[in-house]
C-alpha cells in the first residue's frame, strides 16, 4: 500500500465514494414537429412511447444502466430498480 492510499481511506477505491454523478429516469419519449412543439401551452398533453406500467429507463451520466419502476415515497416520485442492464462493449 502506498502513501496516497492510506491518506484517502482504508481501501484504494474509497476516493470515488464522494464523486457526484448525474442520475435521471426517462418516462418516455415523443417526436414532434417544431410547429407542434411551438403550439404547446400550459395543460397540453404529449403522448409518450410508453404504457402506464412500463418500466422507465435509468441513466447515469448519459448512459442507460437499468430499468426501473416509478413509485411514490411519502409525497415524492422515486424509482425502484427492476433490472440492471448488462454492459455492452464500447
C-alpha atoms as a PDB file:
ATOM      1  CA  UNK A   1       0.000   0.000   0.000  1.00  0.00           C
ATOM      2  CA  UNK A   2       1.431   3.358  -0.947  1.00  0.00           C
ATOM      3  CA  UNK A   3       1.210   6.619   0.999  1.00  0.00           C
ATOM      4  CA  UNK A   4      -1.574   8.087  -1.211  1.00  0.00           C
ATOM      5  CA  UNK A   5      -3.920   5.170  -0.491  1.00  0.00           C
ATOM      6  CA  UNK A   6      -3.576   5.480   3.284  1.00  0.00           C
ATOM      7  CA  UNK A   7      -4.443   9.208   3.150  1.00  0.00           C
ATOM      8  CA  UNK A   8      -7.626   8.605   1.114  1.00  0.00           C
ATOM      9  CA  UNK A   9      -9.199   5.818   3.137  1.00  0.00           C
ATOM     10  CA  UNK A  10      -8.969   2.208   4.128  1.00  0.00           C
ATOM     11  CA  UNK A  11      -9.242   0.961   0.539  1.00  0.00           C
ATOM     12  CA  UNK A  12      -7.944   2.441  -2.748  1.00  0.00           C
ATOM     13  CA  UNK A  13     -11.490   2.828  -4.165  1.00  0.00           C
ATOM     14  CA  UNK A  14     -12.713   4.875  -1.175  1.00  0.00           C
ATOM     15  CA  UNK A  15     -11.701   8.012  -3.099  1.00  0.00           C
ATOM     16  CA  UNK A  16     -14.582   7.602  -5.562  1.00  0.00           C
ATOM     17  CA  UNK A  17     -17.364   7.358  -2.967  1.00  0.00           C
ATOM     18  CA  UNK A  18     -17.778  11.154  -2.790  1.00  0.00           C
ATOM     19  CA  UNK A  19     -17.814  11.677  -6.573  1.00  0.00           C
ATOM     20  CA  UNK A  20     -21.184  13.001  -7.789  1.00  0.00           C
ATOM     21  CA  UNK A  21     -22.862  11.567 -10.873  1.00  0.00           C
ATOM     22  CA  UNK A  22     -25.991  12.709 -12.710  1.00  0.00           C
ATOM     23  CA  UNK A  23     -28.843  10.208 -12.357  1.00  0.00           C
ATOM     24  CA  UNK A  24     -32.123  10.611 -14.216  1.00  0.00           C
ATOM     25  CA  UNK A  25     -35.106   8.497 -15.194  1.00  0.00           C
ATOM     26  CA  UNK A  26     -36.787   8.824 -18.589  1.00  0.00           C
ATOM     27  CA  UNK A  27     -40.525   8.211 -18.513  1.00  0.00           C
ATOM     28  CA  UNK A  28     -40.746   8.050 -22.299  1.00  0.00           C
ATOM     29  CA  UNK A  29     -40.087   9.985 -25.469  1.00  0.00           C
ATOM     30  CA  UNK A  30     -42.080  11.620 -28.236  1.00  0.00           C
ATOM     31  CA  UNK A  31     -41.150  13.065 -31.615  1.00  0.00           C
ATOM     32  CA  UNK A  32     -42.906  16.296 -32.548  1.00  0.00           C
ATOM     33  CA  UNK A  33     -42.537  18.698 -35.448  1.00  0.00           C
ATOM     34  CA  UNK A  34     -41.303  22.109 -34.300  1.00  0.00           C
ATOM     35  CA  UNK A  35     -44.592  23.706 -35.375  1.00  0.00           C
ATOM     36  CA  UNK A  36     -46.499  21.415 -32.987  1.00  0.00           C
ATOM     37  CA  UNK A  37     -43.955  21.974 -30.230  1.00  0.00           C
ATOM     38  CA  UNK A  38     -44.380  25.736 -30.520  1.00  0.00           C
ATOM     39  CA  UNK A  39     -48.163  25.369 -30.103  1.00  0.00           C
ATOM     40  CA  UNK A  40     -47.788  23.600 -26.746  1.00  0.00           C
ATOM     41  CA  UNK A  41     -49.065  25.563 -23.798  1.00  0.00           C
ATOM     42  CA  UNK A  42     -49.987  25.017 -20.196  1.00  0.00           C
ATOM     43  CA  UNK A  43     -52.112  21.890 -19.868  1.00  0.00           C
ATOM     44  CA  UNK A  44     -51.006  20.444 -23.202  1.00  0.00           C
ATOM     45  CA  UNK A  45     -50.721  16.664 -23.301  1.00  0.00           C
ATOM     46  CA  UNK A  46     -47.824  14.990 -25.095  1.00  0.00           C
ATOM     47  CA  UNK A  47     -48.305  11.257 -25.609  1.00  0.00           C
ATOM     48  CA  UNK A  48     -45.153   9.278 -24.845  1.00  0.00           C
ATOM     49  CA  UNK A  49     -43.988   5.983 -26.320  1.00  0.00           C
ATOM     50  CA  UNK A  50     -44.596   4.038 -23.074  1.00  0.00           C
ATOM     51  CA  UNK A  51     -47.595   2.434 -21.423  1.00  0.00           C
ATOM     52  CA  UNK A  52     -48.624   3.226 -17.836  1.00  0.00           C
ATOM     53  CA  UNK A  53     -46.968   0.194 -16.215  1.00  0.00           C
ATOM     54  CA  UNK A  54     -43.888   0.016 -18.481  1.00  0.00           C
ATOM     55  CA  UNK A  55     -40.531   0.410 -16.753  1.00  0.00           C
ATOM     56  CA  UNK A  56     -38.636   3.670 -17.167  1.00  0.00           C
ATOM     57  CA  UNK A  57     -35.013   3.919 -18.286  1.00  0.00           C
ATOM     58  CA  UNK A  58     -32.499   4.863 -15.590  1.00  0.00           C
ATOM     59  CA  UNK A  59     -29.435   6.777 -16.781  1.00  0.00           C
ATOM     60  CA  UNK A  60     -26.174   7.606 -15.020  1.00  0.00           C
ATOM     61  CA  UNK A  61     -24.039  10.240 -16.736  1.00  0.00           C
ATOM     62  CA  UNK A  62     -25.978   9.832 -20.006  1.00  0.00           C
ATOM     63  CA  UNK A  63     -25.556   6.043 -20.075  1.00  0.00           C
ATOM     64  CA  UNK A  64     -28.590   3.779 -19.659  1.00  0.00           C
ATOM     65  CA  UNK A  65     -27.772   1.402 -16.830  1.00  0.00           C
ATOM     66  CA  UNK A  66     -31.079  -0.037 -15.663  1.00  0.00           C
ATOM     67  CA  UNK A  67     -34.825  -0.313 -15.978  1.00  0.00           C
ATOM     68  CA  UNK A  68     -36.886   0.912 -13.069  1.00  0.00           C
ATOM     69  CA  UNK A  69     -40.455   1.212 -11.845  1.00  0.00           C
ATOM     70  CA  UNK A  70     -41.931   4.521 -10.723  1.00  0.00           C
ATOM     71  CA  UNK A  71     -43.028   4.525  -7.069  1.00  0.00           C
ATOM     72  CA  UNK A  72     -44.225   7.109  -4.558  1.00  0.00           C
ATOM     73  CA  UNK A  73     -42.212   7.639  -1.370  1.00  0.00           C
ATOM     74  CA  UNK A  74     -44.135   9.886   1.022  1.00  0.00           C
ATOM     75  CA  UNK A  75     -45.102  12.713  -1.357  1.00  0.00           C
ATOM     76  CA  UNK A  76     -42.191  12.330  -3.807  1.00  0.00           C
ATOM     77  CA  UNK A  77     -41.820  10.341  -7.001  1.00  0.00           C
ATOM     78  CA  UNK A  78     -38.989   7.815  -6.932  1.00  0.00           C
ATOM     79  CA  UNK A  79     -37.825   4.785  -8.868  1.00  0.00           C
ATOM     80  CA  UNK A  80     -37.003   1.276  -7.799  1.00  0.00           C
ATOM     81  CA  UNK A  81     -34.516  -0.638  -9.960  1.00  0.00           C
ATOM     82  CA  UNK A  82     -36.140  -3.668 -11.576  1.00  0.00           C
ATOM     83  CA  UNK A  83     -33.357  -4.735 -13.934  1.00  0.00           C
ATOM     84  CA  UNK A  84     -29.687  -3.791 -14.205  1.00  0.00           C
ATOM     85  CA  UNK A  85     -28.629  -3.869 -17.845  1.00  0.00           C
ATOM     86  CA  UNK A  86     -25.580  -5.795 -18.939  1.00  0.00           C
ATOM     87  CA  UNK A  87     -22.733  -3.664 -20.179  1.00  0.00           C
ATOM     88  CA  UNK A  88     -22.322  -3.549 -23.922  1.00  0.00           C
ATOM     89  CA  UNK A  89     -18.769  -3.347 -25.251  1.00  0.00           C
ATOM     90  CA  UNK A  90     -17.877   0.182 -26.451  1.00  0.00           C
END
